Amino acid sequence: MFQHSSRGTAVWLVIVGLALALTLITGEVPAAAAALLMAGYLALAYVVTRRVQVGSIIESLPRSPVRRPEMSEVAREAVGRASSHPRFDPLVRLLDVGLIVDEHRPDGVSLRRGRFISLDDDGIRPFAIVDVPEGIGDRMARIRFEIRDENGKPRYIYEDDKWLNAGENILLPDYRFPISSNETALDAGTWIMRVQVDGGMLGIHNFNLSPSLSERRRQLSPDGELRERVWRSEDEDISLPLSLEELLRQQSQQHRVR
């Protein structure tokens, strides 16, 4: 703008200045408006004579930093465990991770978030919420969930291609891991769940699989005390993120339609 002819630019500024001066001399413009017009003319003259691009001025203005979503405490623990893994991926941020205990009942599906699972529970399903940077978002990615028992043996593996948008994404397998109805005997103890994207390790989540009620009764000592204390999770009453719960219920409805 106005870079092809310096003389033409100067003439244009003079004409505009004279017109503005005549307008102000008439006295019909209020003093406040006159001051604003003069300030605007001086600013325009400075920009034009200095050949400063308006876009560069706007870009130089300070911008408020974009707040990235915060990680849950459970996600921080999982990332801390995964950080020493040789394939740890620091680019895709793990915002939340855990297990959903879903039980099919006559009145629908009961959902709760649990870290301490009982062998009496119907089944569990892992989930993760991740934050994908702009540069590597809007693409297909290979998602992998693993559940391993206390001995490190894989008991559940889910792997599929999912579309990842830039920003927050909910990663949720299409099927669950059966507990009480599992065809293979499951041992109580500390289990782990891993979540990966394109082979990069995002988090390693620990959870406890406690004995069934019948087994705990068998372990009762004569004085009525359990030989080994069975802990229950404090986070089982924490409600699921609304979008995640809606997604779960939609999947349940689709299965019933089929």
C-alpha atoms as a PDB file:
ATOM      1  CA  MET A   1       0.000   0.000   0.000  1.00  0.00           C
ATOM      2  CA  PHE A   2       1.401   3.415  -1.064  1.00  0.00           C
ATOM      3  CA  GLN A   3       4.811   1.933  -1.848  1.00  0.00           C
ATOM      4  CA  HIS A   4       4.837   2.533  -5.606  1.00  0.00           C
ATOM      5  CA  SER A   5       5.227   6.380  -5.472  1.00  0.00           C
ATOM      6  CA  SER A   6       6.661   8.357  -2.572  1.00  0.00           C
ATOM      7  CA  ARG A   7       5.638  11.668  -4.235  1.00  0.00           C
ATOM      8  CA  GLY A   8       2.066  10.456  -4.708  1.00  0.00           C
ATOM      9  CA  THR A   9       1.954   9.393  -1.071  1.00  0.00           C
ATOM     10  CA  ALA A  10       3.122  12.815   0.081  1.00  0.00           C
ATOM     11  CA  VAL A  11       0.528  14.564  -2.073  1.00  0.00           C
ATOM     12  CA  TRP A  12      -2.192  12.318  -0.721  1.00  0.00           C
ATOM     13  CA  LEU A  13      -1.190  13.101   2.877  1.00  0.00           C
ATOM     14  CA  VAL A  14      -1.193  16.846   2.172  1.00  0.00           C
ATOM     15  CA  ILE A  15      -4.683  16.712   0.627  1.00  0.00           C
ATOM     16  CA  VAL A  16      -6.071  14.724   3.535  1.00  0.00           C
ATOM     17  CA  GLY A  17      -4.388  17.061   6.004  1.00  0.00           C
ATOM     18  CA  LEU A  18      -5.821  20.171   4.363  1.00  0.00           C
ATOM     19  CA  ALA A  19      -9.301  18.670   4.293  1.00  0.00           C
ATOM     20  CA  LEU A  20      -9.015  17.794   7.964  1.00  0.00           C
ATOM     21  CA  ALA A  21      -7.727  21.277   8.826  1.00  0.00           C
ATOM     22  CA  LEU A  22     -10.606  22.991   7.028  1.00  0.00           C
ATOM     23  CA  THR A  23     -13.086  20.757   8.827  1.00  0.00           C
ATOM     24  CA  LEU A  24     -11.612  21.602  12.216  1.00  0.00           C
ATOM     25  CA  ILE A  25     -11.427  25.367  11.471  1.00  0.00           C
ATOM     26  CA  THR A  26     -15.166  25.564  10.879  1.00  0.00           C
ATOM     27  CA  GLY A  27     -15.661  24.705  14.530  1.00  0.00           C
ATOM     28  CA  GLU A  28     -18.606  22.432  13.852  1.00  0.00           C
ATOM     29  CA  VAL A  29     -16.744  19.373  15.178  1.00  0.00           C
ATOM     30  CA  PRO A  30     -16.734  18.877  18.971  1.00  0.00           C
ATOM     31  CA  ALA A  31     -13.369  19.233  20.663  1.00  0.00           C
ATOM     32  CA  ALA A  32     -13.186  15.546  21.670  1.00  0.00           C
ATOM     33  CA  ALA A  33     -13.980  14.364  18.148  1.00  0.00           C
ATOM     34  CA  ALA A  34     -11.475  16.843  16.698  1.00  0.00           C
ATOM     35  CA  ALA A  35      -8.756  15.467  18.954  1.00  0.00           C
ATOM     36  CA  LEU A  36      -9.539  11.921  17.854  1.00  0.00           C
ATOM     37  CA  LEU A  37      -9.476  12.905  14.170  1.00  0.00           C
ATOM     38  CA  MET A  38      -6.136  14.634  14.576  1.00  0.00           C
ATOM     39  CA  ALA A  39      -4.647  11.697  16.449  1.00  0.00           C
ATOM     40  CA  GLY A  40      -5.875   9.304  13.783  1.00  0.00           C
ATOM     41  CA  TYR A  41      -4.409  11.461  10.996  1.00  0.00           C
ATOM     42  CA  LEU A  42      -1.023  11.658  12.711  1.00  0.00           C
ATOM     43  CA  ALA A  43      -0.993   7.889  13.261  1.00  0.00           C
ATOM     44  CA  LEU A  44      -1.894   7.279   9.607  1.00  0.00           C
ATOM     45  CA  ALA A  45       0.784   9.682   8.447  1.00  0.00           C
ATOM     46  CA  TYR A  46       3.352   7.887  10.602  1.00  0.00           C
ATOM     47  CA  VAL A  47       2.387   4.457   9.296  1.00  0.00           C
ATOM     48  CA  VAL A  48       2.406   5.599   5.660  1.00  0.00           C
ATOM     49  CA  THR A  49       5.630   7.600   5.780  1.00  0.00           C
ATOM     50  CA  ARG A  50       7.467   4.883   7.682  1.00  0.00           C
ATOM     51  CA  ARG A  51       6.009   2.258   5.329  1.00  0.00           C
ATOM     52  CA  VAL A  52       5.056   0.076   8.254  1.00  0.00           C
ATOM     53  CA  GLN A  53       2.795  -2.852   7.410  1.00  0.00           C
ATOM     54  CA  VAL A  54      -0.346  -2.914   9.525  1.00  0.00           C
ATOM     55  CA  GLY A  55      -0.066  -6.681   9.822  1.00  0.00           C
ATOM     56  CA  SER A  56       3.353  -6.415  11.439  1.00  0.00           C
ATOM     57  CA  ILE A  57       1.985  -3.941  13.984  1.00  0.00           C
ATOM     58  CA  ILE A  58      -0.842  -6.307  14.913  1.00  0.00           C
ATOM     59  CA  GLU A  59       1.544  -9.245  15.220  1.00  0.00           C
ATOM     60  CA  SER A  60       3.781  -7.236  17.540  1.00  0.00           C
ATOM     61  CA  LEU A  61       0.954  -6.640  20.001  1.00  0.00           C
ATOM     62  CA  PRO A  62       1.223  -8.755  23.179  1.00  0.00           C
ATOM     63  CA  ARG A  63      -1.067 -11.759  23.217  1.00  0.00           C
ATOM     64  CA  SER A  64      -2.410 -13.583  26.190  1.00  0.00           C
ATOM     65  CA  PRO A  65      -0.885 -17.063  26.436  1.00  0.00           C
ATOM     66  CA  VAL A  66      -3.158 -19.952  25.422  1.00  0.00           C
ATOM     67  CA  ARG A  67      -3.914 -22.073  28.464  1.00  0.00           C
ATOM     68  CA  ARG A  68      -3.395 -25.746  27.837  1.00  0.00           C
ATOM     69  CA  PRO A  69      -5.747 -28.169  29.592  1.00  0.00           C
ATOM     70  CA  GLU A  70      -4.474 -29.456  32.915  1.00  0.00           C
ATOM     71  CA  MET A  71      -3.566 -33.067  33.605  1.00  0.00           C
ATOM     72  CA  SER A  72      -5.327 -35.055  36.299  1.00  0.00           C
ATOM     73  CA  GLU A  73      -3.316 -36.397  39.212  1.00  0.00           C
ATOM     74  CA  VAL A  74      -3.830 -39.956  37.923  1.00  0.00           C
ATOM     75  CA  ALA A  75      -2.457 -38.908  34.509  1.00  0.00           C
ATOM     76  CA  ARG A  76       0.606 -37.311  36.131  1.00  0.00           C
ATOM     77  CA  GLU A  77       1.356 -40.582  37.916  1.00  0.00           C
ATOM     78  CA  ALA A  78       0.932 -42.582  34.708  1.00  0.00           C
ATOM     79  CA  VAL A  79       3.162 -40.207  32.738  1.00  0.00           C
ATOM     80  CA  GLY A  80       5.779 -40.358  35.478  1.00  0.00           C
ATOM     81  CA  ARG A  81       5.928 -44.144  35.173  1.00  0.00           C
ATOM     82  CA  ALA A  82       6.051 -43.994  31.383  1.00  0.00           C
ATOM     83  CA  SER A  83       8.724 -41.278  31.193  1.00  0.00           C
ATOM     84  CA  SER A  84      11.525 -43.820  31.634  1.00  0.00           C
ATOM     85  CA  HIS A  85      10.164 -46.056  28.870  1.00  0.00           C
ATOM     86  CA  PRO A  86      12.418 -46.095  25.754  1.00  0.00           C
ATOM     87  CA  ARG A  87       9.434 -45.240  23.514  1.00  0.00           C
ATOM     88  CA  PHE A  88       7.969 -42.489  25.701  1.00  0.00           C
ATOM     89  CA  ASP A  89       6.194 -39.824  23.622  1.00  0.00           C
ATOM     90  CA  PRO A  90       6.374 -36.332  25.205  1.00  0.00           C
ATOM     91  CA  LEU A  91       4.449 -34.598  22.394  1.00  0.00           C
ATOM     92  CA  VAL A  92       0.995 -36.120  22.904  1.00  0.00           C
ATOM     93  CA  ARG A  93      -0.041 -35.108  26.438  1.00  0.00           C
ATOM     94  CA  LEU A  94      -2.016 -37.522  28.572  1.00  0.00           C
ATOM     95  CA  LEU A  95      -4.734 -35.503  30.335  1.00  0.00           C
ATOM     96  CA  ASP A  96      -6.577 -38.330  32.066  1.00  0.00           C
ATOM     97  CA  VAL A  97      -6.459 -42.121  32.175  1.00  0.00           C
ATOM     98  CA  GLY A  98      -8.222 -44.886  34.014  1.00  0.00           C
ATOM     99  CA  LEU A  99     -10.665 -47.776  33.998  1.00  0.00           C
ATOM    100  CA  ILE A 100     -14.426 -47.779  33.627  1.00  0.00           C
ATOM    101  CA  VAL A 101     -16.296 -50.532  35.416  1.00  0.00           C
ATOM    102  CA  ASP A 102     -19.466 -51.163  33.431  1.00  0.00           C
ATOM    103  CA  GLU A 103     -22.099 -53.628  34.529  1.00  0.00           C
ATOM    104  CA  HIS A 104     -25.096 -54.566  32.390  1.00  0.00           C
ATOM    105  CA  ARG A 105     -28.286 -54.523  34.416  1.00  0.00           C
ATOM    106  CA  PRO A 106     -31.965 -54.899  33.491  1.00  0.00           C
ATOM    107  CA  ASP A 107     -32.422 -51.129  33.872  1.00  0.00           C
ATOM    108  CA  GLY A 108     -29.391 -50.255  31.736  1.00  0.00           C
ATOM    109  CA  VAL A 109     -25.660 -49.966  32.134  1.00  0.00           C
ATOM    110  CA  SER A 110     -24.121 -48.956  35.448  1.00  0.00           C
ATOM    111  CA  LEU A 111     -20.911 -46.985  34.972  1.00  0.00           C
ATOM    112  CA  ARG A 112     -18.317 -46.046  37.517  1.00  0.00           C
ATOM    113  CA  ARG A 113     -14.685 -45.126  37.485  1.00  0.00           C
ATOM    114  CA  GLY A 114     -12.525 -47.453  39.519  1.00  0.00           C
ATOM    115  CA  ARG A 115      -8.902 -48.097  40.321  1.00  0.00           C
ATOM    116  CA  PHE A 116      -9.492 -50.921  42.755  1.00  0.00           C
ATOM    117  CA  ILE A 117     -11.375 -53.665  40.909  1.00  0.00           C
ATOM    118  CA  SER A 118     -12.917 -56.787  42.401  1.00  0.00           C
ATOM    119  CA  LEU A 119     -13.038 -60.190  40.754  1.00  0.00           C
ATOM    120  CA  ASP A 120     -16.789 -59.944  41.315  1.00  0.00           C
ATOM    121  CA  ASP A 121     -17.050 -56.995  38.909  1.00  0.00           C
ATOM    122  CA  ASP A 122     -18.579 -57.671  35.528  1.00  0.00           C
ATOM    123  CA  GLY A 123     -15.950 -56.057  33.327  1.00  0.00           C
ATOM    124  CA  ILE A 124     -13.664 -53.088  32.826  1.00  0.00           C
ATOM    125  CA  ARG A 125     -12.776 -50.860  29.912  1.00  0.00           C
ATOM    126  CA  PRO A 126      -9.680 -48.614  29.738  1.00  0.00           C
ATOM    127  CA  PHE A 127      -9.873 -45.024  28.583  1.00  0.00           C
ATOM    128  CA  ALA A 128      -7.579 -42.083  28.017  1.00  0.00           C
ATOM    129  CA  ILE A 129      -8.009 -38.390  27.223  1.00  0.00           C
ATOM    130  CA  VAL A 130      -5.105 -36.911  25.270  1.00  0.00           C
ATOM    131  CA  ASP A 131      -4.123 -33.446  24.059  1.00  0.00           C
ATOM    132  CA  VAL A 132      -2.654 -33.459  20.537  1.00  0.00           C
ATOM    133  CA  PRO A 133      -0.577 -30.443  19.370  1.00  0.00           C
ATOM    134  CA  GLU A 134      -1.613 -28.577  16.220  1.00  0.00           C
ATOM    135  CA  GLY A 135       1.383 -29.759  14.223  1.00  0.00           C
ATOM    136  CA  ILE A 136       0.587 -33.466  14.560  1.00  0.00           C
ATOM    137  CA  GLY A 137      -3.213 -33.355  14.796  1.00  0.00           C
ATOM    138  CA  ASP A 138      -5.985 -34.031  12.268  1.00  0.00           C
ATOM    139  CA  ARG A 139      -4.687 -37.433  11.175  1.00  0.00           C
ATOM    140  CA  MET A 140      -5.176 -41.166  11.584  1.00  0.00           C
ATOM    141  CA  ALA A 141      -3.167 -42.724  14.385  1.00  0.00           C
ATOM    142  CA  ARG A 142      -2.679 -46.231  15.749  1.00  0.00           C
ATOM    143  CA  ILE A 143      -4.124 -46.508  19.258  1.00  0.00           C
ATOM    144  CA  ARG A 144      -3.138 -49.356  21.574  1.00  0.00           C
ATOM    145  CA  PHE A 145      -4.340 -50.303  25.062  1.00  0.00           C
ATOM    146  CA  GLU A 146      -2.759 -53.121  27.056  1.00  0.00           C
ATOM    147  CA  ILE A 147      -3.798 -54.660  30.362  1.00  0.00           C
ATOM    148  CA  ARG A 148      -1.185 -56.872  32.024  1.00  0.00           C
ATOM    149  CA  ASP A 149      -1.498 -58.936  35.175  1.00  0.00           C
ATOM    150  CA  GLU A 150       0.824 -58.889  38.180  1.00  0.00           C
ATOM    151  CA  ASN A 151       3.295 -61.179  36.378  1.00  0.00           C
ATOM    152  CA  GLY A 152       3.436 -58.939  33.312  1.00  0.00           C
ATOM    153  CA  LYS A 153       1.388 -61.306  31.161  1.00  0.00           C
ATOM    154  CA  PRO A 154      -0.837 -59.522  28.583  1.00  0.00           C
ATOM    155  CA  ARG A 155      -4.501 -60.179  29.353  1.00  0.00           C
ATOM    156  CA  TYR A 156      -6.169 -57.592  27.150  1.00  0.00           C
ATOM    157  CA  ILE A 157      -4.933 -55.864  23.999  1.00  0.00           C
ATOM    158  CA  TYR A 158      -6.923 -53.383  21.955  1.00  0.00           C
ATOM    159  CA  GLU A 159      -5.401 -51.846  18.839  1.00  0.00           C
ATOM    160  CA  ASP A 160      -7.161 -49.798  16.179  1.00  0.00           C
ATOM    161  CA  ASP A 161      -6.795 -46.761  13.914  1.00  0.00           C
ATOM    162  CA  LYS A 162      -8.468 -43.634  15.262  1.00  0.00           C
ATOM    163  CA  TRP A 163      -8.764 -40.093  13.920  1.00  0.00           C
ATOM    164  CA  LEU A 164      -6.971 -37.636  16.205  1.00  0.00           C
ATOM    165  CA  ASN A 165      -8.034 -34.010  16.117  1.00  0.00           C
ATOM    166  CA  ALA A 166      -5.771 -31.197  17.245  1.00  0.00           C
ATOM    167  CA  GLY A 167      -6.666 -30.620  20.905  1.00  0.00           C
ATOM    168  CA  GLU A 168      -8.500 -32.971  23.266  1.00  0.00           C
ATOM    169  CA  ASN A 169      -9.406 -36.508  22.145  1.00  0.00           C
ATOM    170  CA  ILE A 170     -11.171 -39.308  24.020  1.00  0.00           C
ATOM    171  CA  LEU A 171      -9.648 -42.730  23.401  1.00  0.00           C
ATOM    172  CA  LEU A 172     -12.029 -45.551  24.260  1.00  0.00           C
ATOM    173  CA  PRO A 173     -11.947 -49.185  23.091  1.00  0.00           C
ATOM    174  CA  ASP A 174     -15.013 -50.708  21.466  1.00  0.00           C
ATOM    175  CA  TYR A 175     -15.149 -53.647  23.831  1.00  0.00           C
ATOM    176  CA  ARG A 176     -14.375 -54.358  27.459  1.00  0.00           C
ATOM    177  CA  PHE A 177     -12.273 -56.850  29.389  1.00  0.00           C
ATOM    178  CA  PRO A 178     -14.507 -59.386  31.205  1.00  0.00           C
ATOM    179  CA  ILE A 179     -13.676 -60.043  34.851  1.00  0.00           C
ATOM    180  CA  SER A 180     -16.185 -62.274  36.625  1.00  0.00           C
ATOM    181  CA  SER A 181     -17.088 -64.145  33.426  1.00  0.00           C
ATOM    182  CA  ASN A 182     -13.556 -64.458  32.089  1.00  0.00           C
ATOM    183  CA  GLU A 183     -12.802 -67.891  30.665  1.00  0.00           C
ATOM    184  CA  THR A 184      -9.292 -67.765  32.131  1.00  0.00           C
ATOM    185  CA  ALA A 185      -8.678 -67.685  35.870  1.00  0.00           C
ATOM    186  CA  LEU A 186      -7.511 -64.227  36.920  1.00  0.00           C
ATOM    187  CA  ASP A 187      -5.103 -63.704  39.794  1.00  0.00           C
ATOM    188  CA  ALA A 188      -5.617 -60.899  42.238  1.00  0.00           C
ATOM    189  CA  GLY A 189      -2.811 -58.381  42.621  1.00  0.00           C
ATOM    190  CA  THR A 190      -1.416 -55.189  41.141  1.00  0.00           C
ATOM    191  CA  TRP A 191      -2.086 -54.951  37.408  1.00  0.00           C
ATOM    192  CA  ILE A 192      -1.035 -52.311  34.894  1.00  0.00           C
ATOM    193  CA  MET A 193      -2.697 -50.651  31.926  1.00  0.00           C
ATOM    194  CA  ARG A 194      -0.675 -49.047  29.147  1.00  0.00           C
ATOM    195  CA  VAL A 195      -1.808 -46.599  26.483  1.00  0.00           C
ATOM    196  CA  GLN A 196       0.159 -45.912  23.302  1.00  0.00           C
ATOM    197  CA  VAL A 197      -0.281 -43.770  20.181  1.00  0.00           C
ATOM    198  CA  ASP A 198       1.678 -44.751  17.054  1.00  0.00           C
ATOM    199  CA  GLY A 199       3.984 -46.881  19.172  1.00  0.00           C
ATOM    200  CA  GLY A 200       4.794 -44.034  21.567  1.00  0.00           C
ATOM    201  CA  MET A 201       4.160 -44.727  25.235  1.00  0.00           C
ATOM    202  CA  LEU A 202       1.883 -42.106  26.820  1.00  0.00           C
ATOM    203  CA  GLY A 203       1.163 -43.545  30.249  1.00  0.00           C
ATOM    204  CA  ILE A 204       1.358 -46.583  32.512  1.00  0.00           C
ATOM    205  CA  HIS A 205      -1.567 -46.814  34.931  1.00  0.00           C
ATOM    206  CA  ASN A 206      -1.526 -49.110  37.967  1.00  0.00           C
ATOM    207  CA  PHE A 207      -4.663 -50.663  39.437  1.00  0.00           C
ATOM    208  CA  ASN A 208      -5.506 -53.352  41.957  1.00  0.00           C
ATOM    209  CA  LEU A 209      -7.524 -56.487  41.291  1.00  0.00           C
ATOM    210  CA  SER A 210      -8.823 -57.754  44.624  1.00  0.00           C
ATOM    211  CA  PRO A 211     -10.161 -61.245  45.420  1.00  0.00           C
ATOM    212  CA  SER A 212     -13.818 -62.066  45.008  1.00  0.00           C
ATOM    213  CA  LEU A 213     -16.194 -61.951  47.955  1.00  0.00           C
ATOM    214  CA  SER A 214     -16.277 -65.745  48.217  1.00  0.00           C
ATOM    215  CA  GLU A 215     -12.485 -65.849  48.310  1.00  0.00           C
ATOM    216  CA  ARG A 216     -12.351 -63.148  50.956  1.00  0.00           C
ATOM    217  CA  ARG A 217     -14.806 -65.107  53.082  1.00  0.00           C
ATOM    218  CA  ARG A 218     -12.585 -68.135  52.746  1.00  0.00           C
ATOM    219  CA  GLN A 219      -9.648 -66.081  53.950  1.00  0.00           C
ATOM    220  CA  LEU A 220     -11.452 -65.039  57.122  1.00  0.00           C
ATOM    221  CA  SER A 221      -9.632 -66.089  60.269  1.00  0.00           C
ATOM    222  CA  PRO A 222     -11.533 -67.660  63.199  1.00  0.00           C
ATOM    223  CA  ASP A 223     -11.861 -64.288  64.936  1.00  0.00           C
ATOM    224  CA  GLY A 224     -13.577 -62.806  61.902  1.00  0.00           C
ATOM    225  CA  GLU A 225     -10.655 -60.660  60.722  1.00  0.00           C
ATOM    226  CA  LEU A 226      -9.387 -60.770  57.152  1.00  0.00           C
ATOM    227  CA  ARG A 227      -5.880 -62.146  56.902  1.00  0.00           C
ATOM    228  CA  GLU A 228      -5.126 -59.621  54.219  1.00  0.00           C
ATOM    229  CA  ARG A 229      -6.856 -56.275  54.187  1.00  0.00           C
ATOM    230  CA  VAL A 230      -8.736 -55.532  50.993  1.00  0.00           C
ATOM    231  CA  TRP A 231      -8.689 -51.853  50.079  1.00  0.00           C
ATOM    232  CA  ARG A 232     -11.346 -50.095  48.113  1.00  0.00           C
ATOM    233  CA  SER A 233     -10.724 -47.180  45.798  1.00  0.00           C
ATOM    234  CA  GLU A 234     -11.353 -43.614  46.926  1.00  0.00           C
ATOM    235  CA  ASP A 235     -11.968 -42.517  43.344  1.00  0.00           C
ATOM    236  CA  GLU A 236     -14.837 -44.890  42.617  1.00  0.00           C
ATOM    237  CA  ASP A 237     -17.358 -42.154  43.415  1.00  0.00           C
ATOM    238  CA  ILE A 238     -15.704 -39.684  41.039  1.00  0.00           C
ATOM    239  CA  SER A 239     -18.053 -39.046  38.159  1.00  0.00           C
ATOM    240  CA  LEU A 240     -16.873 -39.610  34.634  1.00  0.00           C
ATOM    241  CA  PRO A 241     -16.387 -36.703  32.222  1.00  0.00           C
ATOM    242  CA  LEU A 242     -19.782 -36.011  30.676  1.00  0.00           C
ATOM    243  CA  SER A 243     -18.612 -36.483  27.094  1.00  0.00           C
ATOM    244  CA  LEU A 244     -17.033 -39.824  27.996  1.00  0.00           C
ATOM    245  CA  GLU A 245     -20.155 -41.072  29.748  1.00  0.00           C
ATOM    246  CA  GLU A 246     -22.287 -40.055  26.770  1.00  0.00           C
ATOM    247  CA  LEU A 247     -19.960 -41.935  24.444  1.00  0.00           C
ATOM    248  CA  LEU A 248     -20.207 -45.051  26.582  1.00  0.00           C
ATOM    249  CA  ARG A 249     -23.983 -44.957  26.638  1.00  0.00           C
ATOM    250  CA  GLN A 250     -24.115 -44.461  22.867  1.00  0.00           C
ATOM    251  CA  GLN A 251     -21.953 -47.548  22.382  1.00  0.00           C
ATOM    252  CA  SER A 252     -24.175 -49.531  24.731  1.00  0.00           C
ATOM    253  CA  GLN A 253     -27.281 -48.493  22.787  1.00  0.00           C
ATOM    254  CA  GLN A 254     -25.639 -49.478  19.495  1.00  0.00           C
ATOM    255  CA  HIS A 255     -24.833 -52.949  20.865  1.00  0.00           C
ATOM    256  CA  ARG A 256     -28.453 -53.437  21.983  1.00  0.00           C
ATOM    257  CA  VAL A 257     -29.739 -52.371  18.548  1.00  0.00           C
ATOM    258  CA  ARG A 258     -27.529 -54.976  16.914  1.00  0.00           C
END
